[in-house]
Protein backbone atom coordinates (compact mmCIF):
# COMPACT_ATOMS: atom_id res chain seq x y z
CA MET A 1 -30.73 16.11 -0.68
CA PRO A 2 -34.05 15.74 -2.55
CA GLU A 3 -35.36 18.69 -4.56
CA THR A 4 -38.86 18.47 -3.04
CA TYR A 5 -40.54 16.96 0.01
CA LYS A 6 -44.10 16.36 1.17
CA THR A 7 -45.70 17.70 4.34
CA ILE A 8 -49.11 18.91 5.52
CA SER A 9 -50.33 22.49 5.19
CA LYS A 10 -52.07 22.73 8.58
CA GLN A 11 -53.20 20.72 11.58
CA SER A 12 -55.79 17.99 11.12
CA GLU A 13 -57.60 15.56 13.40
CA GLY A 14 -58.69 11.93 13.26
CA LEU A 15 -60.59 9.47 15.44
CA TYR A 16 -60.60 5.68 15.78
CA LYS A 17 -62.70 3.60 18.20
CA GLU A 18 -62.20 -0.02 19.18
CA LYS A 19 -63.92 -1.99 21.99
CA GLY A 20 -64.70 1.12 23.99
CA SER A 21 -61.22 2.63 23.67
CA LYS A 22 -61.06 5.97 21.89
CA PHE A 23 -57.99 7.05 19.93
CA ILE A 24 -57.93 10.79 19.11
CA SER A 25 -55.23 11.72 16.61
CA TYR A 26 -53.65 15.00 15.54
CA ALA A 27 -51.33 15.58 12.58
CA ILE A 28 -49.37 18.81 13.08
CA PRO A 29 -46.84 20.53 10.78
CA VAL A 30 -43.60 21.20 12.68
CA LYS A 31 -40.11 22.55 11.98
CA ASP A 32 -37.84 21.41 14.84
CA VAL A 33 -37.57 19.36 18.03
CA ASP A 34 -38.00 22.38 20.32
CA GLU A 35 -41.38 23.12 18.73
CA ILE A 36 -42.36 19.45 19.09
CA LYS A 37 -41.52 19.46 22.82
CA LEU A 38 -43.74 22.51 23.41
CA ILE A 39 -46.64 20.96 21.48
CA LEU A 40 -46.34 17.66 23.38
CA ASP A 41 -46.37 19.51 26.71
CA GLU A 42 -49.56 21.33 25.66
CA TYR A 43 -51.32 18.11 24.64
CA ARG A 44 -50.28 16.25 27.78
CA LYS A 45 -51.78 19.08 29.85
CA GLN A 46 -54.92 19.23 27.72
CA TYR A 47 -55.44 15.45 27.87
CA TYR A 48 -54.20 14.93 31.43
CA ASP A 49 -56.94 12.35 32.04
CA ALA A 50 -56.01 10.15 29.04
CA ARG A 51 -54.32 6.78 29.57
CA HIS A 52 -51.63 7.34 26.91
CA VAL A 53 -50.33 10.21 24.74
CA CYS A 54 -48.26 8.49 22.06
CA TYR A 55 -46.52 10.14 19.13
CA ALA A 56 -44.08 9.98 16.25
CA TYR A 57 -42.40 12.67 14.18
CA MET A 58 -40.25 13.08 11.09
CA LEU A 59 -38.13 16.14 10.30
CA GLY A 60 -36.08 17.47 7.39
CA ALA A 61 -36.25 17.17 3.62
CA GLU A 62 -33.98 14.11 3.78
CA ARG A 63 -36.34 12.47 6.34
CA GLU A 64 -33.43 11.38 8.53
CA GLU A 65 -34.53 12.83 11.89
CA PHE A 66 -37.40 10.92 13.49
CA ARG A 67 -38.66 9.43 16.73
CA ALA A 68 -41.49 7.17 17.91
CA ASN A 69 -42.79 7.02 21.50
CA ASP A 70 -45.14 4.41 23.03
CA ASP A 71 -45.84 6.35 26.27
CA GLY A 72 -46.35 3.22 28.35
CA GLU A 73 -48.06 1.05 25.74
CA PRO A 74 -46.32 -2.29 25.03
CA SER A 75 -43.09 -1.68 23.10
CA GLY A 76 -43.63 -1.16 19.38
CA THR A 77 -47.45 -1.06 19.52
CA ALA A 78 -48.02 2.71 19.32
CA GLY A 79 -45.16 4.96 18.21
CA ARG A 80 -43.91 2.62 15.50
CA PRO A 81 -47.31 2.18 13.78
CA ILE A 82 -47.77 5.98 13.87
CA LEU A 83 -44.32 6.46 12.31
CA GLY A 84 -45.22 3.77 9.78
CA GLN A 85 -48.09 5.91 8.50
CA ILE A 86 -45.83 8.96 8.20
CA ASN A 87 -43.54 6.79 6.06
CA SER A 88 -46.41 5.32 4.03
CA PHE A 89 -47.44 8.81 2.95
CA GLU A 90 -43.76 9.87 2.54
CA LEU A 91 -44.26 12.89 4.80
CA THR A 92 -41.81 14.99 6.80
CA ASP A 93 -41.85 18.06 9.06
CA ILE A 94 -44.82 16.40 10.77
CA LEU A 95 -45.77 15.34 14.28
CA ILE A 96 -48.61 12.89 14.86
CA ILE A 97 -50.01 12.54 18.38
CA VAL A 98 -52.51 9.80 19.27
CA ILE A 99 -54.32 10.12 22.60
CA ARG A 100 -55.90 6.95 24.01
CA TYR A 101 -58.81 6.80 26.40
CA PHE A 102 -59.02 3.23 27.70
CA GLY A 103 -62.40 1.55 27.28
CA GLY A 104 -61.94 -1.26 29.77
CA ILE A 105 -61.22 -4.06 27.31
CA LEU A 106 -57.63 -5.01 26.47
CA LEU A 107 -56.95 -4.92 22.73
CA GLY A 108 -53.85 -7.12 22.65
CA THR A 109 -50.69 -6.38 20.72
CA SER A 110 -52.16 -6.69 17.22
CA GLY A 111 -55.25 -4.72 18.24
CA LEU A 112 -53.14 -1.86 19.57
CA ILE A 113 -50.95 -1.77 16.47
CA THR A 114 -54.04 -1.59 14.26
CA ALA A 115 -55.68 1.10 16.43
CA TYR A 116 -52.67 3.43 16.47
CA LYS A 117 -52.03 2.86 12.78
CA GLU A 118 -55.64 3.63 11.82
CA ALA A 119 -55.86 6.67 14.13
CA ALA A 120 -52.69 8.14 12.57
CA ARG A 121 -53.96 7.34 9.08
CA GLU A 122 -57.27 9.10 9.78
CA ALA A 123 -55.48 12.31 10.81
CA ILE A 124 -53.34 12.23 7.65
CA LEU A 125 -56.36 11.58 5.41
CA GLN A 126 -58.02 14.69 6.85
CA ALA A 127 -54.95 16.82 6.06
CA GLU A 128 -53.96 18.66 2.92
CA ILE A 129 -50.66 17.20 1.71
CA VAL A 130 -48.43 19.73 -0.06
CA GLU A 131 -45.18 19.37 -1.97
CA ILE A 132 -42.48 21.85 -0.93
CA ILE A 133 -39.53 22.82 -3.12
CA VAL A 134 -36.21 22.54 -1.25
CA LYS A 135 -34.55 25.95 -1.32
CA GLU A 136 -31.13 27.27 -0.40
CA ARG A 137 -30.57 30.70 1.14
CA PHE A 138 -27.55 32.89 0.43
CA SER A 139 -26.25 36.41 1.02
CA ILE A 140 -24.86 38.18 -2.05
CA HIS A 141 -22.65 41.24 -1.57
CA PHE A 142 -21.28 43.50 -4.33
CA GLY A 143 -20.54 47.08 -5.32
CA TYR A 144 -22.97 49.37 -7.17
CA ASP A 145 -20.89 49.13 -10.33
CA LEU A 146 -21.86 45.43 -10.65
CA MET A 147 -25.62 45.99 -10.20
CA ASN A 148 -26.60 45.53 -13.86
CA GLU A 149 -24.62 42.31 -14.27
CA VAL A 150 -26.05 40.82 -11.07
CA LEU A 151 -29.64 41.82 -11.81
CA ARG A 152 -29.37 40.31 -15.29
CA ILE A 153 -28.64 36.93 -13.64
CA PHE A 154 -31.45 37.53 -11.12
CA LYS A 155 -33.85 38.08 -14.01
CA GLU A 156 -32.78 34.82 -15.65
CA TYR A 157 -33.07 32.61 -12.53
CA GLU A 158 -35.73 34.51 -10.54
CA PRO A 159 -34.54 33.90 -6.96
CA GLU A 160 -36.82 35.03 -4.14
CA VAL A 161 -35.36 38.18 -2.56
CA ILE A 162 -35.74 37.89 1.22
CA SER A 163 -34.07 41.22 2.03
CA SER A 164 -31.96 43.90 0.39
CA ASP A 165 -29.68 46.62 1.75
CA MET A 166 -28.26 49.20 -0.63
CA GLN A 167 -26.95 51.93 1.68
CA TYR A 168 -23.19 51.78 1.02
CA THR A 169 -22.83 48.66 -1.09
CA CYS A 170 -25.43 46.17 -2.33
CA LYS A 171 -26.41 43.23 -0.18
CA PHE A 172 -29.18 40.80 -1.05
CA GLU A 173 -30.40 37.78 0.83
CA VAL A 174 -32.04 35.36 -1.58
CA GLU A 175 -33.65 31.93 -1.70
CA ILE A 176 -33.58 29.75 -4.78
CA ALA A 177 -34.69 26.21 -5.59
CA LYS A 178 -31.89 23.74 -4.95
CA SER A 179 -32.26 22.46 -8.52
CA LYS A 180 -31.26 25.91 -9.88
CA SER A 181 -28.79 27.00 -7.22
CA GLU A 182 -25.55 25.53 -8.57
CA GLU A 183 -25.97 27.12 -11.99
CA PHE A 184 -27.22 30.43 -10.51
CA PHE A 185 -24.30 30.84 -8.13
CA GLY A 186 -21.84 29.55 -10.71
CA LYS A 187 -22.74 32.50 -12.94
CA LEU A 188 -22.56 35.00 -10.07
CA GLU A 189 -19.15 33.73 -9.00
CA LYS A 190 -17.78 34.51 -12.45
CA ILE A 191 -18.38 38.22 -11.80
CA TYR A 192 -15.24 39.59 -10.12
CA GLY A 193 -16.16 41.41 -6.89
CA VAL A 194 -19.32 39.45 -6.01
CA GLU A 195 -19.16 37.77 -2.59
CA ILE A 196 -21.53 34.89 -1.80
CA SER A 197 -22.06 33.30 1.61
CA ALA A 198 -24.53 30.72 2.89
CA SER A 199 -27.30 31.96 5.20
CA GLU A 200 -29.10 30.00 7.90
């Protein structure tokens, strides 16, 4: 898995016009397929009078989960060019929707590919691209007598503490950059009595 990935910080919008047809594009940060389905339903309702609502998405730091949809346009002329722009900018955790209002003049295969590509590109160019550090989340459980040893390692590696519970024993949920995690947990595991488990 890569140590960082690129995505967009918030939703952005683009527009491309060709021979009377209007292509309205939206680039939207997303986390999973369920969220994507809800967003697509919203846009289909909002643009119920549009000829086509085409899209592509990419998910995950490894950029292995993706889909492209032509929504009735000739095969490969809409979803694939949109996905191509996501790949050109090396983005993930992103959904790009391009809504087409037909202008009465057929654009042909190459014209459609260009239109969807440029509309997607416009939305990305309007977005703020951010680089995210890939983190791993773990639960760490130990007795009070080990507090000083554990906190000394925390101070050295500076994990982000998501939650802590110190009623009967000590339990921390932490996130740490993947690049530091192996060394960090290696040191913790050397302390007898510390239990570590992966969190979702």
